[in-house]
């Protein structure tokens, strides 16, 4: 039930289908991706671009990582750039 609440919260943040993202992610992943989406909502990107970027970053991180995606990306600029390109992020 907890993961369903996280998916519902993510769905309210971005108007894209999150079931395909959730199908491949744990509830912990969904939590971190949701936070990343919230952290990047005012960056002038479309919701699908932000979701793709955050999912990519989450997938690149170790499952033992304790920092948020937003914290981790600052220490990993090459990964941030690769995920930005994959997502189609404009202006980075």
PDB file of N, CA and C in Angstrom:
ATOM      1  N   UNK A   1       0.808  -1.199   0.000  1.00  0.00           N
ATOM      2  CA  UNK A   1       0.000   0.000   0.000  1.00  0.00           C
ATOM      3  C   UNK A   1       0.851   1.262   0.000  1.00  0.00           C
ATOM      4  N   UNK A   2       1.978   1.224   0.724  1.00  0.00           N
ATOM      5  CA  UNK A   2       2.846   2.390   0.785  1.00  0.00           C
ATOM      6  C   UNK A   2       3.317   2.797  -0.607  1.00  0.00           C
ATOM      7  N   UNK A   3       3.701   1.816  -1.437  1.00  0.00           N
ATOM      8  CA  UNK A   3       4.187   2.157  -2.772  1.00  0.00           C
ATOM      9  C   UNK A   3       3.070   2.716  -3.643  1.00  0.00           C
ATOM     10  N   UNK A   4       1.844   2.267  -3.431  1.00  0.00           N
ATOM     11  CA  UNK A   4       0.727   2.823  -4.193  1.00  0.00           C
ATOM     12  C   UNK A   4       0.509   4.291  -3.843  1.00  0.00           C
ATOM     13  N   UNK A   5       0.687   4.640  -2.581  1.00  0.00           N
ATOM     14  CA  UNK A   5       0.555   6.040  -2.177  1.00  0.00           C
ATOM     15  C   UNK A   5       1.649   6.886  -2.816  1.00  0.00           C
ATOM     16  N   UNK A   6       2.853   6.337  -2.914  1.00  0.00           N
ATOM     17  CA  UNK A   6       3.947   7.073  -3.552  1.00  0.00           C
ATOM     18  C   UNK A   6       3.687   7.267  -5.037  1.00  0.00           C
ATOM     19  N   UNK A   7       3.174   6.250  -5.681  1.00  0.00           N
ATOM     20  CA  UNK A   7       2.843   6.375  -7.100  1.00  0.00           C
ATOM     21  C   UNK A   7       1.758   7.422  -7.290  1.00  0.00           C
ATOM     22  N   UNK A   8       0.769   7.420  -6.409  1.00  0.00           N
ATOM     23  CA  UNK A   8      -0.297   8.422  -6.502  1.00  0.00           C
ATOM     24  C   UNK A   8       0.263   9.823  -6.297  1.00  0.00           C
ATOM     25  N   UNK A   9       1.178   9.962  -5.349  1.00  0.00           N
ATOM     26  CA  UNK A   9       1.801  11.270  -5.114  1.00  0.00           C
ATOM     27  C   UNK A   9       2.593  11.710  -6.333  1.00  0.00           C
ATOM     28  N   UNK A  10       3.337  10.792  -6.929  1.00  0.00           N
ATOM     29  CA  UNK A  10       4.106  11.114  -8.126  1.00  0.00           C
ATOM     30  C   UNK A  10       3.180  11.508  -9.264  1.00  0.00           C
ATOM     31  N   UNK A  11       2.072  10.812  -9.398  1.00  0.00           N
ATOM     32  CA  UNK A  11       1.126  11.103 -10.476  1.00  0.00           C
ATOM     33  C   UNK A  11       0.543  12.505 -10.345  1.00  0.00           C
ATOM     34  N   UNK A  12       0.400  12.999  -9.122  1.00  0.00           N
ATOM     35  CA  UNK A  12      -0.136  14.344  -8.954  1.00  0.00           C
ATOM     36  C   UNK A  12       0.893  15.410  -9.284  1.00  0.00           C
ATOM     37  N   UNK A  13       2.175  15.057  -9.200  1.00  0.00           N
ATOM     38  CA  UNK A  13       3.227  16.024  -9.502  1.00  0.00           C
ATOM     39  C   UNK A  13       3.448  16.204 -10.992  1.00  0.00           C
ATOM     40  N   UNK A  14       3.240  15.147 -11.747  1.00  0.00           N
ATOM     41  CA  UNK A  14       3.509  15.214 -13.177  1.00  0.00           C
ATOM     42  C   UNK A  14       2.385  14.527 -13.950  1.00  0.00           C
ATOM     43  N   UNK A  15       1.935  15.132 -15.015  1.00  0.00           N
ATOM     44  CA  UNK A  15       0.803  14.585 -15.758  1.00  0.00           C
ATOM     45  C   UNK A  15       1.217  13.558 -16.812  1.00  0.00           C
ATOM     46  N   UNK A  16       1.964  12.549 -16.409  1.00  0.00           N
ATOM     47  CA  UNK A  16       2.326  11.470 -17.316  1.00  0.00           C
ATOM     48  C   UNK A  16       2.036  10.152 -16.629  1.00  0.00           C
ATOM     49  N   UNK A  17       1.955   9.101 -17.396  1.00  0.00           N
ATOM     50  CA  UNK A  17       1.688   7.794 -16.827  1.00  0.00           C
ATOM     51  C   UNK A  17       2.901   7.311 -16.062  1.00  0.00           C
ATOM     52  N   UNK A  18       2.698   6.994 -14.795  1.00  0.00           N
ATOM     53  CA  UNK A  18       3.807   6.549 -13.972  1.00  0.00           C
ATOM     54  C   UNK A  18       3.798   5.048 -13.757  1.00  0.00           C
ATOM     55  N   UNK A  19       2.780   4.360 -14.243  1.00  0.00           N
ATOM     56  CA  UNK A  19       2.724   2.924 -14.010  1.00  0.00           C
ATOM     57  C   UNK A  19       3.892   2.207 -14.654  1.00  0.00           C
ATOM     58  N   UNK A  20       4.334   2.638 -15.819  1.00  0.00           N
ATOM     59  CA  UNK A  20       5.473   1.991 -16.461  1.00  0.00           C
ATOM     60  C   UNK A  20       6.760   2.254 -15.694  1.00  0.00           C
ATOM     61  N   UNK A  21       6.882   3.427 -15.109  1.00  0.00           N
ATOM     62  CA  UNK A  21       8.048   3.730 -14.289  1.00  0.00           C
ATOM     63  C   UNK A  21       7.996   2.886 -13.029  1.00  0.00           C
ATOM     64  N   UNK A  22       6.839   2.849 -12.388  1.00  0.00           N
ATOM     65  CA  UNK A  22       6.696   2.114 -11.138  1.00  0.00           C
ATOM     66  C   UNK A  22       6.922   0.618 -11.326  1.00  0.00           C
ATOM     67  N   UNK A  23       6.535   0.087 -12.459  1.00  0.00           N
ATOM     68  CA  UNK A  23       6.671  -1.350 -12.690  1.00  0.00           C
ATOM     69  C   UNK A  23       8.118  -1.809 -12.600  1.00  0.00           C
ATOM     70  N   UNK A  24       9.059  -0.920 -12.832  1.00  0.00           N
ATOM     71  CA  UNK A  24      10.469  -1.276 -12.830  1.00  0.00           C
ATOM     72  C   UNK A  24      11.198  -0.751 -11.595  1.00  0.00           C
ATOM     73  N   UNK A  25      10.506  -0.084 -10.696  1.00  0.00           N
ATOM     74  CA  UNK A  25      11.151   0.576  -9.563  1.00  0.00           C
ATOM     75  C   UNK A  25      10.606   0.032  -8.242  1.00  0.00           C
ATOM     76  N   UNK A  26      11.434   0.067  -7.214  1.00  0.00           N
ATOM     77  CA  UNK A  26      10.983  -0.280  -5.870  1.00  0.00           C
ATOM     78  C   UNK A  26      10.286   0.933  -5.263  1.00  0.00           C
ATOM     79  N   UNK A  27       9.643   0.742  -4.131  1.00  0.00           N
ATOM     80  CA  UNK A  27       8.997   1.877  -3.468  1.00  0.00           C
ATOM     81  C   UNK A  27      10.029   2.917  -3.042  1.00  0.00           C
ATOM     82  N   UNK A  28      11.243   2.471  -2.687  1.00  0.00           N
ATOM     83  CA  UNK A  28      12.308   3.407  -2.345  1.00  0.00           C
ATOM     84  C   UNK A  28      12.712   4.223  -3.568  1.00  0.00           C
ATOM     85  N   UNK A  29      12.807   3.561  -4.734  1.00  0.00           N
ATOM     86  CA  UNK A  29      13.126   4.276  -5.972  1.00  0.00           C
ATOM     87  C   UNK A  29      12.070   5.324  -6.263  1.00  0.00           C
ATOM     88  N   UNK A  30      10.811   4.955  -6.125  1.00  0.00           N
ATOM     89  CA  UNK A  30       9.711   5.882  -6.399  1.00  0.00           C
ATOM     90  C   UNK A  30       9.811   7.093  -5.477  1.00  0.00           C
ATOM     91  N   UNK A  31      10.180   6.861  -4.222  1.00  0.00           N
ATOM     92  CA  UNK A  31      10.342   7.966  -3.266  1.00  0.00           C
ATOM     93  C   UNK A  31      11.414   8.939  -3.744  1.00  0.00           C
ATOM     94  N   UNK A  32      12.572   8.417  -4.147  1.00  0.00           N
ATOM     95  CA  UNK A  32      13.665   9.279  -4.587  1.00  0.00           C
ATOM     96  C   UNK A  32      13.339   9.983  -5.899  1.00  0.00           C
ATOM     97  N   UNK A  33      12.705   9.271  -6.820  1.00  0.00           N
ATOM     98  CA  UNK A  33      12.320   9.876  -8.096  1.00  0.00           C
ATOM     99  C   UNK A  33      11.295  10.978  -7.865  1.00  0.00           C
ATOM    100  N   UNK A  34      10.328  10.730  -6.982  1.00  0.00           N
ATOM    101  CA  UNK A  34       9.315  11.736  -6.651  1.00  0.00           C
ATOM    102  C   UNK A  34       9.970  12.997  -6.101  1.00  0.00           C
ATOM    103  N   UNK A  35      10.947  12.827  -5.212  1.00  0.00           N
ATOM    104  CA  UNK A  35      11.650  13.979  -4.644  1.00  0.00           C
ATOM    105  C   UNK A  35      12.422  14.735  -5.723  1.00  0.00           C
ATOM    106  N   UNK A  36      13.077  14.001  -6.608  1.00  0.00           N
ATOM    107  CA  UNK A  36      13.823  14.618  -7.703  1.00  0.00           C
ATOM    108  C   UNK A  36      12.896  15.421  -8.611  1.00  0.00           C
ATOM    109  N   UNK A  37      11.750  14.841  -8.936  1.00  0.00           N
ATOM    110  CA  UNK A  37      10.776  15.543  -9.781  1.00  0.00           C
ATOM    111  C   UNK A  37      10.343  16.835  -9.100  1.00  0.00           C
ATOM    112  N   UNK A  38      10.073  16.757  -7.804  1.00  0.00           N
ATOM    113  CA  UNK A  38       9.682  17.954  -7.051  1.00  0.00           C
ATOM    114  C   UNK A  38      10.812  18.987  -7.049  1.00  0.00           C
ATOM    115  N   UNK A  39      12.041  18.529  -6.851  1.00  0.00           N
ATOM    116  CA  UNK A  39      13.193  19.432  -6.828  1.00  0.00           C
ATOM    117  C   UNK A  39      13.413  20.134  -8.169  1.00  0.00           C
ATOM    118  N   UNK A  40      12.991  19.501  -9.265  1.00  0.00           N
ATOM    119  CA  UNK A  40      13.259  20.031 -10.611  1.00  0.00           C
ATOM    120  C   UNK A  40      12.027  20.582 -11.312  1.00  0.00           C
ATOM    121  N   UNK A  41      10.921  20.694 -10.618  1.00  0.00           N
ATOM    122  CA  UNK A  41       9.669  21.101 -11.265  1.00  0.00           C
ATOM    123  C   UNK A  41       9.693  22.516 -11.826  1.00  0.00           C
ATOM    124  N   UNK A  42      10.545  23.368 -11.289  1.00  0.00           N
ATOM    125  CA  UNK A  42      10.602  24.760 -11.742  1.00  0.00           C
ATOM    126  C   UNK A  42      11.789  25.040 -12.659  1.00  0.00           C
ATOM    127  N   UNK A  43      12.326  24.018 -13.285  1.00  0.00           N
ATOM    128  CA  UNK A  43      13.504  24.170 -14.139  1.00  0.00           C
ATOM    129  C   UNK A  43      13.154  24.449 -15.604  1.00  0.00           C
ATOM    130  N   UNK A  44      11.875  24.612 -15.907  1.00  0.00           N
ATOM    131  CA  UNK A  44      11.468  24.966 -17.258  1.00  0.00           C
ATOM    132  C   UNK A  44      11.439  23.804 -18.241  1.00  0.00           C
ATOM    133  N   UNK A  45      11.400  22.588 -17.727  1.00  0.00           N
ATOM    134  CA  UNK A  45      11.353  21.398 -18.581  1.00  0.00           C
ATOM    135  C   UNK A  45       9.949  20.802 -18.542  1.00  0.00           C
ATOM    136  N   UNK A  46       9.614  20.016 -19.556  1.00  0.00           N
ATOM    137  CA  UNK A  46       8.325  19.342 -19.538  1.00  0.00           C
ATOM    138  C   UNK A  46       8.347  18.226 -18.495  1.00  0.00           C
ATOM    139  N   UNK A  47       7.173  17.828 -18.035  1.00  0.00           N
ATOM    140  CA  UNK A  47       7.072  16.774 -17.028  1.00  0.00           C
ATOM    141  C   UNK A  47       7.717  15.464 -17.495  1.00  0.00           C
ATOM    142  N   UNK A  48       7.491  15.031 -18.749  1.00  0.00           N
ATOM    143  CA  UNK A  48       8.150  13.793 -19.180  1.00  0.00           C
ATOM    144  C   UNK A  48       9.673  13.882 -19.190  1.00  0.00           C
ATOM    145  N   UNK A  49      10.223  15.047 -19.523  1.00  0.00           N
ATOM    146  CA  UNK A  49      11.680  15.228 -19.516  1.00  0.00           C
ATOM    147  C   UNK A  49      12.203  15.101 -18.087  1.00  0.00           C
ATOM    148  N   UNK A  50      11.546  15.747 -17.143  1.00  0.00           N
ATOM    149  CA  UNK A  50      11.986  15.688 -15.749  1.00  0.00           C
ATOM    150  C   UNK A  50      11.887  14.261 -15.223  1.00  0.00           C
ATOM    151  N   UNK A  51      10.785  13.589 -15.513  1.00  0.00           N
ATOM    152  CA  UNK A  51      10.618  12.206 -15.050  1.00  0.00           C
ATOM    153  C   UNK A  51      11.685  11.293 -15.650  1.00  0.00           C
ATOM    154  N   UNK A  52      11.960  11.437 -16.928  1.00  0.00           N
ATOM    155  CA  UNK A  52      12.991  10.620 -17.575  1.00  0.00           C
ATOM    156  C   UNK A  52      14.360  10.899 -16.967  1.00  0.00           C
ATOM    157  N   UNK A  53      14.668  12.168 -16.750  1.00  0.00           N
ATOM    158  CA  UNK A  53      15.939  12.553 -16.148  1.00  0.00           C
ATOM    159  C   UNK A  53      16.079  11.945 -14.747  1.00  0.00           C
ATOM    160  N   UNK A  54      15.069  12.123 -13.924  1.00  0.00           N
ATOM    161  CA  UNK A  54      15.132  11.626 -12.544  1.00  0.00           C
ATOM    162  C   UNK A  54      15.215  10.105 -12.496  1.00  0.00           C
ATOM    163  N   UNK A  55      14.499   9.435 -13.374  1.00  0.00           N
ATOM    164  CA  UNK A  55      14.551   7.975 -13.427  1.00  0.00           C
ATOM    165  C   UNK A  55      15.934   7.513 -13.868  1.00  0.00           C
ATOM    166  N   UNK A  56      16.503   8.172 -14.854  1.00  0.00           N
ATOM    167  CA  UNK A  56      17.850   7.845 -15.314  1.00  0.00           C
ATOM    168  C   UNK A  56      18.859   8.018 -14.184  1.00  0.00           C
ATOM    169  N   UNK A  57      18.796   9.143 -13.497  1.00  0.00           N
ATOM    170  CA  UNK A  57      19.729   9.395 -12.400  1.00  0.00           C
ATOM    171  C   UNK A  57      19.571   8.346 -11.309  1.00  0.00           C
ATOM    172  N   UNK A  58      18.340   8.029 -10.961  1.00  0.00           N
ATOM    173  CA  UNK A  58      18.090   7.024  -9.938  1.00  0.00           C
ATOM    174  C   UNK A  58      18.678   5.676 -10.344  1.00  0.00           C
ATOM    175  N   UNK A  59      18.514   5.325 -11.618  1.00  0.00           N
ATOM    176  CA  UNK A  59      19.017   4.036 -12.100  1.00  0.00           C
ATOM    177  C   UNK A  59      20.539   3.970 -12.112  1.00  0.00           C
ATOM    178  N   UNK A  60      21.206   5.109 -12.206  1.00  0.00           N
ATOM    179  CA  UNK A  60      22.667   5.142 -12.214  1.00  0.00           C
ATOM    180  C   UNK A  60      23.258   5.057 -10.804  1.00  0.00           C
ATOM    181  N   UNK A  61      22.453   5.355  -9.817  1.00  0.00           N
ATOM    182  CA  UNK A  61      22.931   5.380  -8.433  1.00  0.00           C
ATOM    183  C   UNK A  61      22.962   3.971  -7.841  1.00  0.00           C
ATOM    184  N   UNK A  62      23.877   3.758  -6.924  1.00  0.00           N
ATOM    185  CA  UNK A  62      23.949   2.500  -6.187  1.00  0.00           C
ATOM    186  C   UNK A  62      22.716   2.364  -5.296  1.00  0.00           C
ATOM    187  N   UNK A  63      22.246   1.150  -5.118  1.00  0.00           N
ATOM    188  CA  UNK A  63      21.103   0.936  -4.229  1.00  0.00           C
ATOM    189  C   UNK A  63      21.470   1.214  -2.765  1.00  0.00           C
ATOM    190  N   UNK A  64      22.756   1.346  -2.481  1.00  0.00           N
ATOM    191  CA  UNK A  64      23.213   1.659  -1.124  1.00  0.00           C
ATOM    192  C   UNK A  64      23.388   3.160  -0.890  1.00  0.00           C
ATOM    193  N   UNK A  65      23.152   3.965  -1.924  1.00  0.00           N
ATOM    194  CA  UNK A  65      23.336   5.420  -1.821  1.00  0.00           C
ATOM    195  C   UNK A  65      22.328   5.998  -0.838  1.00  0.00           C
ATOM    196  N   UNK A  66      22.790   6.911   0.006  1.00  0.00           N
ATOM    197  CA  UNK A  66      21.903   7.537   0.988  1.00  0.00           C
ATOM    198  C   UNK A  66      21.575   8.986   0.648  1.00  0.00           C
ATOM    199  N   UNK A  67      22.311   9.582  -0.302  1.00  0.00           N
ATOM    200  CA  UNK A  67      22.011  10.952  -0.701  1.00  0.00           C
ATOM    201  C   UNK A  67      20.828  10.971  -1.654  1.00  0.00           C
ATOM    202  N   UNK A  68      20.139  12.098  -1.692  1.00  0.00           N
ATOM    203  CA  UNK A  68      19.058  12.266  -2.663  1.00  0.00           C
ATOM    204  C   UNK A  68      19.664  12.371  -4.055  1.00  0.00           C
ATOM    205  N   UNK A  69      18.834  12.228  -5.069  1.00  0.00           N
ATOM    206  CA  UNK A  69      19.300  12.374  -6.447  1.00  0.00           C
ATOM    207  C   UNK A  69      19.870  13.771  -6.643  1.00  0.00           C
ATOM    208  N   UNK A  70      19.204  14.771  -6.096  1.00  0.00           N
ATOM    209  CA  UNK A  70      19.652  16.156  -6.234  1.00  0.00           C
ATOM    210  C   UNK A  70      21.024  16.357  -5.601  1.00  0.00           C
ATOM    211  N   UNK A  71      21.273  15.741  -4.463  1.00  0.00           N
ATOM    212  CA  UNK A  71      22.585  15.829  -3.821  1.00  0.00           C
ATOM    213  C   UNK A  71      23.621  15.051  -4.620  1.00  0.00           C
ATOM    214  N   UNK A  72      23.256  13.858  -5.067  1.00  0.00           N
ATOM    215  CA  UNK A  72      24.178  12.970  -5.762  1.00  0.00           C
ATOM    216  C   UNK A  72      24.611  13.552  -7.107  1.00  0.00           C
ATOM    217  N   UNK A  73      23.695  14.216  -7.810  1.00  0.00           N
ATOM    218  CA  UNK A  73      24.025  14.734  -9.140  1.00  0.00           C
ATOM    219  C   UNK A  73      25.131  15.784  -9.083  1.00  0.00           C
ATOM    220  N   UNK A  74      25.200  16.533  -8.001  1.00  0.00           N
ATOM    221  CA  UNK A  74      26.241  17.563  -7.870  1.00  0.00           C
ATOM    222  C   UNK A  74      27.640  16.954  -7.826  1.00  0.00           C
ATOM    223  N   UNK A  75      27.745  15.743  -7.299  1.00  0.00           N
ATOM    224  CA  UNK A  75      29.037  15.057  -7.216  1.00  0.00           C
ATOM    225  C   UNK A  75      29.324  14.201  -8.446  1.00  0.00           C
ATOM    226  N   UNK A  76      28.363  14.111  -9.361  1.00  0.00           N
ATOM    227  CA  UNK A  76      28.494  13.247 -10.537  1.00  0.00           C
ATOM    228  C   UNK A  76      28.052  13.980 -11.803  1.00  0.00           C
ATOM    229  N   UNK A  77      28.793  15.034 -12.184  1.00  0.00           N
ATOM    230  CA  UNK A  77      28.363  15.862 -13.320  1.00  0.00           C
ATOM    231  C   UNK A  77      28.320  15.117 -14.652  1.00  0.00           C
ATOM    232  N   UNK A  78      29.165  14.129 -14.847  1.00  0.00           N
ATOM    233  CA  UNK A  78      29.131  13.377 -16.117  1.00  0.00           C
ATOM    234  C   UNK A  78      27.847  12.567 -16.232  1.00  0.00           C
ATOM    235  N   UNK A  79      27.438  11.971 -15.131  1.00  0.00           N
ATOM    236  CA  UNK A  79      26.177  11.223 -15.132  1.00  0.00           C
ATOM    237  C   UNK A  79      25.007  12.173 -15.320  1.00  0.00           C
ATOM    238  N   UNK A  80      25.069  13.328 -14.670  1.00  0.00           N
ATOM    239  CA  UNK A  80      24.023  14.328 -14.824  1.00  0.00           C
ATOM    240  C   UNK A  80      23.898  14.741 -16.288  1.00  0.00           C
ATOM    241  N   UNK A  81      25.016  14.959 -16.951  1.00  0.00           N
ATOM    242  CA  UNK A  81      25.005  15.342 -18.360  1.00  0.00           C
ATOM    243  C   UNK A  81      24.445  14.228 -19.238  1.00  0.00           C
ATOM    244  N   UNK A  82      24.848  13.000 -18.965  1.00  0.00           N
ATOM    245  CA  UNK A  82      24.355  11.859 -19.756  1.00  0.00           C
ATOM    246  C   UNK A  82      22.848  11.700 -19.595  1.00  0.00           C
ATOM    247  N   UNK A  83      22.357  11.815 -18.378  1.00  0.00           N
ATOM    248  CA  UNK A  83      20.913  11.677 -18.142  1.00  0.00           C
ATOM    249  C   UNK A  83      20.149  12.873 -18.719  1.00  0.00           C
ATOM    250  N   UNK A  84      20.758  14.055 -18.676  1.00  0.00           N
ATOM    251  CA  UNK A  84      20.133  15.228 -19.288  1.00  0.00           C
ATOM    252  C   UNK A  84      19.955  15.017 -20.786  1.00  0.00           C
ATOM    253  N   UNK A  85      20.997  14.499 -21.432  1.00  0.00           N
ATOM    254  CA  UNK A  85      20.914  14.225 -22.872  1.00  0.00           C
ATOM    255  C   UNK A  85      19.872  13.153 -23.165  1.00  0.00           C
ATOM    256  N   UNK A  86      19.885  12.086 -22.375  1.00  0.00           N
ATOM    257  CA  UNK A  86      18.906  10.995 -22.573  1.00  0.00           C
ATOM    258  C   UNK A  86      17.475  11.511 -22.445  1.00  0.00           C
ATOM    259  N   UNK A  87      17.258  12.415 -21.506  1.00  0.00           N
ATOM    260  CA  UNK A  87      15.917  12.928 -21.254  1.00  0.00           C
ATOM    261  C   UNK A  87      15.492  14.016 -22.225  1.00  0.00           C
ATOM    262  N   UNK A  88      16.465  14.617 -22.930  1.00  0.00           N
ATOM    263  CA  UNK A  88      16.144  15.726 -23.823  1.00  0.00           C
ATOM    264  C   UNK A  88      16.049  17.048 -23.088  1.00  0.00           C
ATOM    265  N   UNK A  89      16.776  17.157 -21.978  1.00  0.00           N
ATOM    266  CA  UNK A  89      16.790  18.379 -21.172  1.00  0.00           C
ATOM    267  C   UNK A  89      17.392  19.513 -21.993  1.00  0.00           C
ATOM    268  N   UNK A  90      16.722  20.626 -22.019  1.00  0.00           N
ATOM    269  CA  UNK A  90      17.177  21.805 -22.774  1.00  0.00           C
ATOM    270  C   UNK A  90      17.877  22.790 -21.852  1.00  0.00           C
ATOM    271  N   UNK A  91      19.013  23.311 -22.285  1.00  0.00           N
ATOM    272  CA  UNK A  91      19.678  24.376 -21.551  1.00  0.00           C
ATOM    273  C   UNK A  91      20.682  23.947 -20.509  1.00  0.00           C
ATOM    274  N   UNK A  92      21.109  22.701 -20.509  1.00  0.00           N
ATOM    275  CA  UNK A  92      22.152  22.286 -19.550  1.00  0.00           C
ATOM    276  C   UNK A  92      23.437  22.103 -20.254  1.00  0.00           C
TER     277      UNK A  92
END
